[in-house]
């Protein structure tokens, strides 16, 4: 992930679905997420549009549909998210975080 992309918890849910299986059309992704989230097609489209602008997802035209994929691997995203958390909450100190967890 060359740029630092900050994702909301809902956007993480979309990314998890795409990391599990990609590429996915809006229809497929809505079906994948509907059971757990209850999100409509329009909600999924809103998330995908926002995430595309952030550089988190890319798409390829498949006929009349867009097929979305993650723009970067899950490992890279989780590592960067962990680093941001560590910086924000513990001033970048891994020792402080581990100490806090042990207590």
PDB file of N, CA and C in Angstrom:
ATOM      1  N   UNK A   1       0.865  -1.162   0.000  1.00  0.00           N
ATOM      2  CA  UNK A   1       0.000   0.000   0.000  1.00  0.00           C
ATOM      3  C   UNK A   1       0.906   1.216   0.000  1.00  0.00           C
ATOM      4  N   UNK A   2       1.201   1.764  -1.137  1.00  0.00           N
ATOM      5  CA  UNK A   2       2.167   2.836  -1.248  1.00  0.00           C
ATOM      6  C   UNK A   2       1.706   4.100  -0.535  1.00  0.00           C
ATOM      7  N   UNK A   3       0.435   4.354  -0.522  1.00  0.00           N
ATOM      8  CA  UNK A   3      -0.090   5.503   0.207  1.00  0.00           C
ATOM      9  C   UNK A   3      -0.808   4.997   1.446  1.00  0.00           C
ATOM     10  N   UNK A   4      -0.846   5.823   2.479  1.00  0.00           N
ATOM     11  CA  UNK A   4      -1.538   5.428   3.703  1.00  0.00           C
ATOM     12  C   UNK A   4      -3.032   5.656   3.519  1.00  0.00           C
ATOM     13  N   UNK A   5      -3.778   4.578   3.438  1.00  0.00           N
ATOM     14  CA  UNK A   5      -5.216   4.641   3.239  1.00  0.00           C
ATOM     15  C   UNK A   5      -5.886   4.324   4.561  1.00  0.00           C
ATOM     16  N   UNK A   6      -6.660   5.257   5.054  1.00  0.00           N
ATOM     17  CA  UNK A   6      -7.384   5.047   6.302  1.00  0.00           C
ATOM     18  C   UNK A   6      -8.788   4.554   5.972  1.00  0.00           C
ATOM     19  N   UNK A   7      -9.154   3.405   6.528  1.00  0.00           N
ATOM     20  CA  UNK A   7     -10.447   2.807   6.243  1.00  0.00           C
ATOM     21  C   UNK A   7     -11.319   2.807   7.491  1.00  0.00           C
ATOM     22  N   UNK A   8     -12.597   3.065   7.292  1.00  0.00           N
ATOM     23  CA  UNK A   8     -13.564   2.974   8.381  1.00  0.00           C
ATOM     24  C   UNK A   8     -13.828   1.494   8.677  1.00  0.00           C
ATOM     25  N   UNK A   9     -14.441   1.183   9.822  1.00  0.00           N
ATOM     26  CA  UNK A   9     -14.772  -0.220  10.099  1.00  0.00           C
ATOM     27  C   UNK A   9     -15.646  -0.856   9.011  1.00  0.00           C
ATOM     28  N   UNK A  10     -16.572  -0.117   8.451  1.00  0.00           N
ATOM     29  CA  UNK A  10     -17.419  -0.648   7.378  1.00  0.00           C
ATOM     30  C   UNK A  10     -16.608  -0.901   6.111  1.00  0.00           C
ATOM     31  N   UNK A  11     -15.674  -0.009   5.813  1.00  0.00           N
ATOM     32  CA  UNK A  11     -14.819  -0.208   4.646  1.00  0.00           C
ATOM     33  C   UNK A  11     -13.907  -1.422   4.845  1.00  0.00           C
ATOM     34  N   UNK A  12     -13.469  -1.642   6.077  1.00  0.00           N
ATOM     35  CA  UNK A  12     -12.687  -2.846   6.367  1.00  0.00           C
ATOM     36  C   UNK A  12     -13.517  -4.083   6.074  1.00  0.00           C
ATOM     37  N   UNK A  13     -14.811  -4.039   6.385  1.00  0.00           N
ATOM     38  CA  UNK A  13     -15.701  -5.186   6.139  1.00  0.00           C
ATOM     39  C   UNK A  13     -15.769  -5.485   4.640  1.00  0.00           C
ATOM     40  N   UNK A  14     -15.859  -4.444   3.833  1.00  0.00           N
ATOM     41  CA  UNK A  14     -15.868  -4.609   2.375  1.00  0.00           C
ATOM     42  C   UNK A  14     -14.527  -5.191   1.911  1.00  0.00           C
ATOM     43  N   UNK A  15     -13.436  -4.659   2.449  1.00  0.00           N
ATOM     44  CA  UNK A  15     -12.112  -5.161   2.068  1.00  0.00           C
ATOM     45  C   UNK A  15     -11.958  -6.630   2.447  1.00  0.00           C
ATOM     46  N   UNK A  16     -12.442  -7.013   3.628  1.00  0.00           N
ATOM     47  CA  UNK A  16     -12.365  -8.422   4.045  1.00  0.00           C
ATOM     48  C   UNK A  16     -13.072  -9.319   3.027  1.00  0.00           C
ATOM     49  N   UNK A  17     -14.238  -8.886   2.582  1.00  0.00           N
ATOM     50  CA  UNK A  17     -14.983  -9.663   1.587  1.00  0.00           C
ATOM     51  C   UNK A  17     -14.189  -9.774   0.283  1.00  0.00           C
ATOM     52  N   UNK A  18     -13.536  -8.682  -0.116  1.00  0.00           N
ATOM     53  CA  UNK A  18     -12.749  -8.708  -1.353  1.00  0.00           C
ATOM     54  C   UNK A  18     -11.469  -9.515  -1.189  1.00  0.00           C
ATOM     55  N   UNK A  19     -10.848  -9.466  -0.014  1.00  0.00           N
ATOM     56  CA  UNK A  19      -9.652 -10.290   0.208  1.00  0.00           C
ATOM     57  C   UNK A  19     -10.020 -11.768   0.204  1.00  0.00           C
ATOM     58  N   UNK A  20     -11.234 -12.086   0.691  1.00  0.00           N
ATOM     59  CA  UNK A  20     -11.680 -13.483   0.681  1.00  0.00           C
ATOM     60  C   UNK A  20     -11.889 -13.993  -0.739  1.00  0.00           C
ATOM     61  N   UNK A  21     -12.454 -13.134  -1.591  1.00  0.00           N
ATOM     62  CA  UNK A  21     -12.732 -13.546  -2.969  1.00  0.00           C
ATOM     63  C   UNK A  21     -12.835 -12.313  -3.865  1.00  0.00           C
ATOM     64  N   UNK A  22     -11.972 -12.264  -4.851  1.00  0.00           N
ATOM     65  CA  UNK A  22     -11.984 -11.149  -5.795  1.00  0.00           C
ATOM     66  C   UNK A  22     -11.541 -11.687  -7.144  1.00  0.00           C
ATOM     67  N   UNK A  23     -11.942 -11.061  -8.207  1.00  0.00           N
ATOM     68  CA  UNK A  23     -12.795  -9.867  -8.259  1.00  0.00           C
ATOM     69  C   UNK A  23     -14.265 -10.202  -7.992  1.00  0.00           C
ATOM     70  N   UNK A  24     -14.998  -9.182  -7.559  1.00  0.00           N
ATOM     71  CA  UNK A  24     -16.427  -9.314  -7.284  1.00  0.00           C
ATOM     72  C   UNK A  24     -17.160  -8.136  -7.896  1.00  0.00           C
ATOM     73  N   UNK A  25     -18.299  -8.450  -8.529  1.00  0.00           N
ATOM     74  CA  UNK A  25     -19.163  -7.379  -9.046  1.00  0.00           C
ATOM     75  C   UNK A  25     -19.945  -6.793  -7.869  1.00  0.00           C
ATOM     76  N   UNK A  26     -20.585  -5.681  -8.109  1.00  0.00           N
ATOM     77  CA  UNK A  26     -21.403  -5.060  -7.063  1.00  0.00           C
ATOM     78  C   UNK A  26     -22.500  -6.025  -6.616  1.00  0.00           C
ATOM     79  N   UNK A  27     -23.118  -6.702  -7.569  1.00  0.00           N
ATOM     80  CA  UNK A  27     -24.181  -7.661  -7.238  1.00  0.00           C
ATOM     81  C   UNK A  27     -23.634  -8.791  -6.367  1.00  0.00           C
ATOM     82  N   UNK A  28     -22.482  -9.337  -6.740  1.00  0.00           N
ATOM     83  CA  UNK A  28     -21.881 -10.423  -5.969  1.00  0.00           C
ATOM     84  C   UNK A  28     -21.469  -9.954  -4.570  1.00  0.00           C
ATOM     85  N   UNK A  29     -20.852  -8.782  -4.513  1.00  0.00           N
ATOM     86  CA  UNK A  29     -20.391  -8.245  -3.243  1.00  0.00           C
ATOM     87  C   UNK A  29     -21.566  -7.924  -2.321  1.00  0.00           C
ATOM     88  N   UNK A  30     -22.628  -7.368  -2.885  1.00  0.00           N
ATOM     89  CA  UNK A  30     -23.829  -7.094  -2.087  1.00  0.00           C
ATOM     90  C   UNK A  30     -24.386  -8.395  -1.518  1.00  0.00           C
ATOM     91  N   UNK A  31     -24.423  -9.433  -2.325  1.00  0.00           N
ATOM     92  CA  UNK A  31     -24.876 -10.739  -1.855  1.00  0.00           C
ATOM     93  C   UNK A  31     -23.985 -11.298  -0.763  1.00  0.00           C
ATOM     94  N   UNK A  32     -22.674 -11.110  -0.912  1.00  0.00           N
ATOM     95  CA  UNK A  32     -21.719 -11.595   0.086  1.00  0.00           C
ATOM     96  C   UNK A  32     -21.910 -10.892   1.432  1.00  0.00           C
ATOM     97  N   UNK A  33     -22.232  -9.605   1.383  1.00  0.00           N
ATOM     98  CA  UNK A  33     -22.303  -8.793   2.604  1.00  0.00           C
ATOM     99  C   UNK A  33     -23.693  -8.695   3.212  1.00  0.00           C
ATOM    100  N   UNK A  34     -24.732  -8.920   2.429  1.00  0.00           N
ATOM    101  CA  UNK A  34     -26.107  -8.675   2.871  1.00  0.00           C
ATOM    102  C   UNK A  34     -26.486  -9.464   4.120  1.00  0.00           C
ATOM    103  N   UNK A  35     -26.081 -10.723   4.188  1.00  0.00           N
ATOM    104  CA  UNK A  35     -26.459 -11.551   5.326  1.00  0.00           C
ATOM    105  C   UNK A  35     -25.943 -11.028   6.653  1.00  0.00           C
ATOM    106  N   UNK A  36     -24.694 -10.553   6.674  1.00  0.00           N
ATOM    107  CA  UNK A  36     -24.081 -10.057   7.909  1.00  0.00           C
ATOM    108  C   UNK A  36     -24.396  -8.597   8.194  1.00  0.00           C
ATOM    109  N   UNK A  37     -24.562  -7.807   7.143  1.00  0.00           N
ATOM    110  CA  UNK A  37     -24.677  -6.362   7.333  1.00  0.00           C
ATOM    111  C   UNK A  37     -26.067  -5.801   7.058  1.00  0.00           C
ATOM    112  N   UNK A  38     -26.809  -6.455   6.161  1.00  0.00           N
ATOM    113  CA  UNK A  38     -28.098  -5.915   5.746  1.00  0.00           C
ATOM    114  C   UNK A  38     -27.970  -4.747   4.773  1.00  0.00           C
ATOM    115  N   UNK A  39     -26.755  -4.524   4.255  1.00  0.00           N
ATOM    116  CA  UNK A  39     -26.528  -3.400   3.357  1.00  0.00           C
ATOM    117  C   UNK A  39     -27.208  -3.626   2.014  1.00  0.00           C
ATOM    118  N   UNK A  40     -27.768  -2.548   1.477  1.00  0.00           N
ATOM    119  CA  UNK A  40     -28.370  -2.581   0.146  1.00  0.00           C
ATOM    120  C   UNK A  40     -27.278  -2.393  -0.906  1.00  0.00           C
ATOM    121  N   UNK A  41     -27.652  -2.602  -2.135  1.00  0.00           N
ATOM    122  CA  UNK A  41     -26.753  -2.385  -3.275  1.00  0.00           C
ATOM    123  C   UNK A  41     -26.223  -0.953  -3.272  1.00  0.00           C
ATOM    124  N   UNK A  42     -27.095   0.001  -2.957  1.00  0.00           N
ATOM    125  CA  UNK A  42     -26.693   1.415  -2.976  1.00  0.00           C
ATOM    126  C   UNK A  42     -25.667   1.718  -1.887  1.00  0.00           C
ATOM    127  N   UNK A  43     -25.791   1.073  -0.737  1.00  0.00           N
ATOM    128  CA  UNK A  43     -24.810   1.254   0.334  1.00  0.00           C
ATOM    129  C   UNK A  43     -23.458   0.712  -0.097  1.00  0.00           C
ATOM    130  N   UNK A  44     -23.447  -0.466  -0.685  1.00  0.00           N
ATOM    131  CA  UNK A  44     -22.196  -1.075  -1.154  1.00  0.00           C
ATOM    132  C   UNK A  44     -21.559  -0.197  -2.233  1.00  0.00           C
ATOM    133  N   UNK A  45     -22.364   0.331  -3.134  1.00  0.00           N
ATOM    134  CA  UNK A  45     -21.847   1.223  -4.178  1.00  0.00           C
ATOM    135  C   UNK A  45     -21.207   2.459  -3.550  1.00  0.00           C
ATOM    136  N   UNK A  46     -21.847   3.027  -2.540  1.00  0.00           N
ATOM    137  CA  UNK A  46     -21.291   4.213  -1.864  1.00  0.00           C
ATOM    138  C   UNK A  46     -19.933   3.905  -1.256  1.00  0.00           C
ATOM    139  N   UNK A  47     -19.843   2.768  -0.558  1.00  0.00           N
ATOM    140  CA  UNK A  47     -18.556   2.380   0.020  1.00  0.00           C
ATOM    141  C   UNK A  47     -17.502   2.186  -1.058  1.00  0.00           C
ATOM    142  N   UNK A  48     -17.848   1.480  -2.129  1.00  0.00           N
ATOM    143  CA  UNK A  48     -16.885   1.222  -3.196  1.00  0.00           C
ATOM    144  C   UNK A  48     -16.414   2.510  -3.864  1.00  0.00           C
ATOM    145  N   UNK A  49     -17.327   3.450  -4.090  1.00  0.00           N
ATOM    146  CA  UNK A  49     -16.936   4.733  -4.689  1.00  0.00           C
ATOM    147  C   UNK A  49     -15.954   5.474  -3.786  1.00  0.00           C
ATOM    148  N   UNK A  50     -16.238   5.505  -2.493  1.00  0.00           N
ATOM    149  CA  UNK A  50     -15.361   6.176  -1.537  1.00  0.00           C
ATOM    150  C   UNK A  50     -14.001   5.478  -1.476  1.00  0.00           C
ATOM    151  N   UNK A  51     -14.038   4.154  -1.459  1.00  0.00           N
ATOM    152  CA  UNK A  51     -12.802   3.391  -1.366  1.00  0.00           C
ATOM    153  C   UNK A  51     -11.963   3.489  -2.643  1.00  0.00           C
ATOM    154  N   UNK A  52     -12.626   3.611  -3.759  1.00  0.00           N
ATOM    155  CA  UNK A  52     -11.899   3.808  -5.028  1.00  0.00           C
ATOM    156  C   UNK A  52     -11.163   5.144  -5.002  1.00  0.00           C
ATOM    157  N   UNK A  53     -11.819   6.181  -4.511  1.00  0.00           N
ATOM    158  CA  UNK A  53     -11.175   7.503  -4.420  1.00  0.00           C
ATOM    159  C   UNK A  53      -9.984   7.488  -3.474  1.00  0.00           C
ATOM    160  N   UNK A  54     -10.064   6.662  -2.436  1.00  0.00           N
ATOM    161  CA  UNK A  54      -8.958   6.526  -1.484  1.00  0.00           C
ATOM    162  C   UNK A  54      -7.817   5.685  -2.033  1.00  0.00           C
ATOM    163  N   UNK A  55      -8.083   4.931  -3.099  1.00  0.00           N
ATOM    164  CA  UNK A  55      -7.069   4.050  -3.658  1.00  0.00           C
ATOM    165  C   UNK A  55      -7.046   2.673  -3.022  1.00  0.00           C
ATOM    166  N   UNK A  56      -8.117   2.300  -2.315  1.00  0.00           N
ATOM    167  CA  UNK A  56      -8.171   1.007  -1.634  1.00  0.00           C
ATOM    168  C   UNK A  56      -8.637  -0.116  -2.552  1.00  0.00           C
ATOM    169  N   UNK A  57      -9.462   0.220  -3.545  1.00  0.00           N
ATOM    170  CA  UNK A  57      -9.973  -0.788  -4.477  1.00  0.00           C
ATOM    171  C   UNK A  57      -9.760  -0.314  -5.910  1.00  0.00           C
ATOM    172  N   UNK A  58      -9.716  -1.283  -6.804  1.00  0.00           N
ATOM    173  CA  UNK A  58      -9.649  -1.011  -8.246  1.00  0.00           C
ATOM    174  C   UNK A  58     -10.722  -1.869  -8.900  1.00  0.00           C
ATOM    175  N   UNK A  59     -11.064  -1.517 -10.124  1.00  0.00           N
ATOM    176  CA  UNK A  59     -12.051  -2.332 -10.826  1.00  0.00           C
ATOM    177  C   UNK A  59     -11.661  -2.497 -12.281  1.00  0.00           C
ATOM    178  N   UNK A  60     -12.216  -3.551 -12.869  1.00  0.00           N
ATOM    179  CA  UNK A  60     -12.077  -3.815 -14.301  1.00  0.00           C
ATOM    180  C   UNK A  60     -13.484  -3.963 -14.852  1.00  0.00           C
ATOM    181  N   UNK A  61     -13.688  -3.468 -16.050  1.00  0.00           N
ATOM    182  CA  UNK A  61     -14.990  -3.603 -16.703  1.00  0.00           C
ATOM    183  C   UNK A  61     -15.172  -5.052 -17.156  1.00  0.00           C
ATOM    184  N   UNK A  62     -16.291  -5.650 -16.763  1.00  0.00           N
ATOM    185  CA  UNK A  62     -16.659  -6.989 -17.226  1.00  0.00           C
ATOM    186  C   UNK A  62     -18.025  -6.881 -17.872  1.00  0.00           C
ATOM    187  N   UNK A  63     -18.018  -6.581 -19.154  1.00  0.00           N
ATOM    188  CA  UNK A  63     -19.286  -6.335 -19.838  1.00  0.00           C
ATOM    189  C   UNK A  63     -19.894  -5.049 -19.319  1.00  0.00           C
ATOM    190  N   UNK A  64     -21.117  -5.144 -18.802  1.00  0.00           N
ATOM    191  CA  UNK A  64     -21.792  -3.961 -18.264  1.00  0.00           C
ATOM    192  C   UNK A  64     -21.514  -3.751 -16.777  1.00  0.00           C
ATOM    193  N   UNK A  65     -20.789  -4.680 -16.162  1.00  0.00           N
ATOM    194  CA  UNK A  65     -20.531  -4.617 -14.719  1.00  0.00           C
ATOM    195  C   UNK A  65     -19.068  -4.271 -14.447  1.00  0.00           C
ATOM    196  N   UNK A  66     -18.841  -3.726 -13.265  1.00  0.00           N
ATOM    197  CA  UNK A  66     -17.485  -3.494 -12.780  1.00  0.00           C
ATOM    198  C   UNK A  66     -17.153  -4.616 -11.815  1.00  0.00           C
ATOM    199  N   UNK A  67     -15.959  -5.175 -11.956  1.00  0.00           N
ATOM    200  CA  UNK A  67     -15.492  -6.219 -11.052  1.00  0.00           C
ATOM    201  C   UNK A  67     -14.393  -5.614 -10.168  1.00  0.00           C
ATOM    202  N   UNK A  68     -14.668  -5.545  -8.865  1.00  0.00           N
ATOM    203  CA  UNK A  68     -13.769  -4.885  -7.912  1.00  0.00           C
ATOM    204  C   UNK A  68     -12.795  -5.857  -7.280  1.00  0.00           C
ATOM    205  N   UNK A  69     -11.591  -5.347  -7.007  1.00  0.00           N
ATOM    206  CA  UNK A  69     -10.539  -6.098  -6.330  1.00  0.00           C
ATOM    207  C   UNK A  69      -9.830  -5.162  -5.363  1.00  0.00           C
ATOM    208  N   UNK A  70      -9.196  -5.715  -4.332  1.00  0.00           N
ATOM    209  CA  UNK A  70      -8.394  -4.876  -3.438  1.00  0.00           C
ATOM    210  C   UNK A  70      -7.200  -4.311  -4.203  1.00  0.00           C
ATOM    211  N   UNK A  71      -6.805  -3.115  -3.871  1.00  0.00           N
ATOM    212  CA  UNK A  71      -5.655  -2.494  -4.530  1.00  0.00           C
ATOM    213  C   UNK A  71      -4.336  -2.911  -3.880  1.00  0.00           C
ATOM    214  N   UNK A  72      -4.397  -3.589  -2.742  1.00  0.00           N
ATOM    215  CA  UNK A  72      -3.198  -4.022  -2.051  1.00  0.00           C
ATOM    216  C   UNK A  72      -3.507  -5.252  -1.202  1.00  0.00           C
ATOM    217  N   UNK A  73      -2.501  -6.029  -0.849  1.00  0.00           N
ATOM    218  CA  UNK A  73      -2.720  -7.266  -0.094  1.00  0.00           C
ATOM    219  C   UNK A  73      -3.138  -7.005   1.356  1.00  0.00           C
ATOM    220  N   UNK A  74      -3.836  -7.970   1.917  1.00  0.00           N
ATOM    221  CA  UNK A  74      -4.335  -7.854   3.294  1.00  0.00           C
ATOM    222  C   UNK A  74      -3.191  -7.654   4.294  1.00  0.00           C
ATOM    223  N   UNK A  75      -2.114  -8.399   4.139  1.00  0.00           N
ATOM    224  CA  UNK A  75      -0.986  -8.286   5.072  1.00  0.00           C
ATOM    225  C   UNK A  75      -0.430  -6.882   5.148  1.00  0.00           C
ATOM    226  N   UNK A  76      -0.323  -6.249   4.010  1.00  0.00           N
ATOM    227  CA  UNK A  76       0.198  -4.882   3.954  1.00  0.00           C
ATOM    228  C   UNK A  76      -0.757  -3.916   4.666  1.00  0.00           C
ATOM    229  N   UNK A  77      -2.037  -4.068   4.426  1.00  0.00           N
ATOM    230  CA  UNK A  77      -3.037  -3.190   5.042  1.00  0.00           C
ATOM    231  C   UNK A  77      -3.076  -3.369   6.561  1.00  0.00           C
ATOM    232  N   UNK A  78      -3.044  -4.612   7.029  1.00  0.00           N
ATOM    233  CA  UNK A  78      -3.105  -4.842   8.471  1.00  0.00           C
ATOM    234  C   UNK A  78      -1.835  -4.358   9.165  1.00  0.00           C
ATOM    235  N   UNK A  79      -0.693  -4.521   8.524  1.00  0.00           N
ATOM    236  CA  UNK A  79       0.558  -4.023   9.096  1.00  0.00           C
ATOM    237  C   UNK A  79       0.520  -2.510   9.248  1.00  0.00           C
ATOM    238  N   UNK A  80       0.071  -1.818   8.203  1.00  0.00           N
ATOM    239  CA  UNK A  80       0.008  -0.359   8.267  1.00  0.00           C
ATOM    240  C   UNK A  80      -1.018   0.120   9.290  1.00  0.00           C
ATOM    241  N   UNK A  81      -2.148  -0.584   9.380  1.00  0.00           N
ATOM    242  CA  UNK A  81      -3.163  -0.214  10.368  1.00  0.00           C
ATOM    243  C   UNK A  81      -2.618  -0.404  11.783  1.00  0.00           C
ATOM    244  N   UNK A  82      -1.886  -1.489  12.004  1.00  0.00           N
ATOM    245  CA  UNK A  82      -1.281  -1.744  13.319  1.00  0.00           C
ATOM    246  C   UNK A  82      -0.254  -0.661  13.661  1.00  0.00           C
ATOM    247  N   UNK A  83       0.529  -0.250  12.675  1.00  0.00           N
ATOM    248  CA  UNK A  83       1.521   0.806  12.899  1.00  0.00           C
ATOM    249  C   UNK A  83       0.840   2.129  13.258  1.00  0.00           C
ATOM    250  N   UNK A  84      -0.253   2.457  12.564  1.00  0.00           N
ATOM    251  CA  UNK A  84      -0.984   3.694  12.874  1.00  0.00           C
ATOM    252  C   UNK A  84      -1.555   3.636  14.290  1.00  0.00           C
ATOM    253  N   UNK A  85      -2.106   2.476  14.670  1.00  0.00           N
ATOM    254  CA  UNK A  85      -2.640   2.304  16.019  1.00  0.00           C
ATOM    255  C   UNK A  85      -1.525   2.473  17.049  1.00  0.00           C
ATOM    256  N   UNK A  86      -0.407   1.821  16.825  1.00  0.00           N
ATOM    257  CA  UNK A  86       0.725   1.900  17.738  1.00  0.00           C
ATOM    258  C   UNK A  86       1.198   3.345  17.885  1.00  0.00           C
ATOM    259  N   UNK A  87       1.315   4.064  16.789  1.00  0.00           N
ATOM    260  CA  UNK A  87       1.732   5.466  16.823  1.00  0.00           C
ATOM    261  C   UNK A  87       0.712   6.333  17.568  1.00  0.00           C
ATOM    262  N   UNK A  88      -0.558   6.132  17.259  1.00  0.00           N
ATOM    263  CA  UNK A  88      -1.618   6.973  17.819  1.00  0.00           C
ATOM    264  C   UNK A  88      -1.807   6.725  19.320  1.00  0.00           C
ATOM    265  N   UNK A  89      -1.838   5.472  19.725  1.00  0.00           N
ATOM    266  CA  UNK A  89      -2.196   5.141  21.100  1.00  0.00           C
ATOM    267  C   UNK A  89      -0.980   5.039  22.022  1.00  0.00           C
ATOM    268  N   UNK A  90       0.137   4.538  21.505  1.00  0.00           N
ATOM    269  CA  UNK A  90       1.297   4.278  22.346  1.00  0.00           C
ATOM    270  C   UNK A  90       2.539   5.066  21.923  1.00  0.00           C
ATOM    271  N   UNK A  91       2.354   6.106  21.140  1.00  0.00           N
ATOM    272  CA  UNK A  91       3.484   6.928  20.720  1.00  0.00           C
ATOM    273  C   UNK A  91       4.542   6.146  19.967  1.00  0.00           C
ATOM    274  N   UNK A  92       4.133   5.057  19.309  1.00  0.00           N
ATOM    275  CA  UNK A  92       5.053   4.259  18.522  1.00  0.00           C
ATOM    276  C   UNK A  92       5.840   3.246  19.329  1.00  0.00           C
ATOM    277  N   UNK A  93       5.584   3.160  20.624  1.00  0.00           N
ATOM    278  CA  UNK A  93       6.346   2.261  21.484  1.00  0.00           C
ATOM    279  C   UNK A  93       5.690   0.889  21.595  1.00  0.00           C
ATOM    280  N   UNK A  94       6.326  -0.111  20.994  1.00  0.00           N
ATOM    281  CA  UNK A  94       5.835  -1.477  21.084  1.00  0.00           C
ATOM    282  C   UNK A  94       5.920  -1.980  22.524  1.00  0.00           C
ATOM    283  N   UNK A  95       6.994  -1.599  23.203  1.00  0.00           N
ATOM    284  CA  UNK A  95       7.177  -1.995  24.605  1.00  0.00           C
ATOM    285  C   UNK A  95       6.035  -1.491  25.475  1.00  0.00           C
ATOM    286  N   UNK A  96       5.634  -0.244  25.281  1.00  0.00           N
ATOM    287  CA  UNK A  96       4.520   0.331  26.052  1.00  0.00           C
ATOM    288  C   UNK A  96       3.237  -0.438  25.781  1.00  0.00           C
ATOM    289  N   UNK A  97       3.000  -0.815  24.536  1.00  0.00           N
ATOM    290  CA  UNK A  97       1.795  -1.552  24.195  1.00  0.00           C
ATOM    291  C   UNK A  97       1.803  -2.931  24.854  1.00  0.00           C
ATOM    292  N   UNK A  98       2.933  -3.626  24.770  1.00  0.00           N
ATOM    293  CA  UNK A  98       3.022  -4.952  25.367  1.00  0.00           C
ATOM    294  C   UNK A  98       2.856  -4.851  26.879  1.00  0.00           C
ATOM    295  N   UNK A  99       3.483  -3.867  27.493  1.00  0.00           N
ATOM    296  CA  UNK A  99       3.366  -3.629  28.941  1.00  0.00           C
ATOM    297  C   UNK A  99       1.905  -3.394  29.326  1.00  0.00           C
ATOM    298  N   UNK A 100       1.222  -2.611  28.540  1.00  0.00           N
ATOM    299  CA  UNK A 100      -0.198  -2.308  28.783  1.00  0.00           C
ATOM    300  C   UNK A 100      -1.040  -3.566  28.687  1.00  0.00           C
ATOM    301  N   UNK A 101      -0.745  -4.418  27.726  1.00  0.00           N
ATOM    302  CA  UNK A 101      -1.502  -5.659  27.550  1.00  0.00           C
ATOM    303  C   UNK A 101      -1.237  -6.638  28.686  1.00  0.00           C
ATOM    304  N   UNK A 102      -0.011  -6.697  29.166  1.00  0.00           N
ATOM    305  CA  UNK A 102       0.340  -7.599  30.250  1.00  0.00           C
ATOM    306  C   UNK A 102      -0.378  -7.185  31.539  1.00  0.00           C
ATOM    307  N   UNK A 103      -0.454  -5.871  31.762  1.00  0.00           N
ATOM    308  CA  UNK A 103      -1.144  -5.363  32.960  1.00  0.00           C
ATOM    309  C   UNK A 103      -2.619  -5.668  32.848  1.00  0.00           C
TER     310      UNK A 103
END
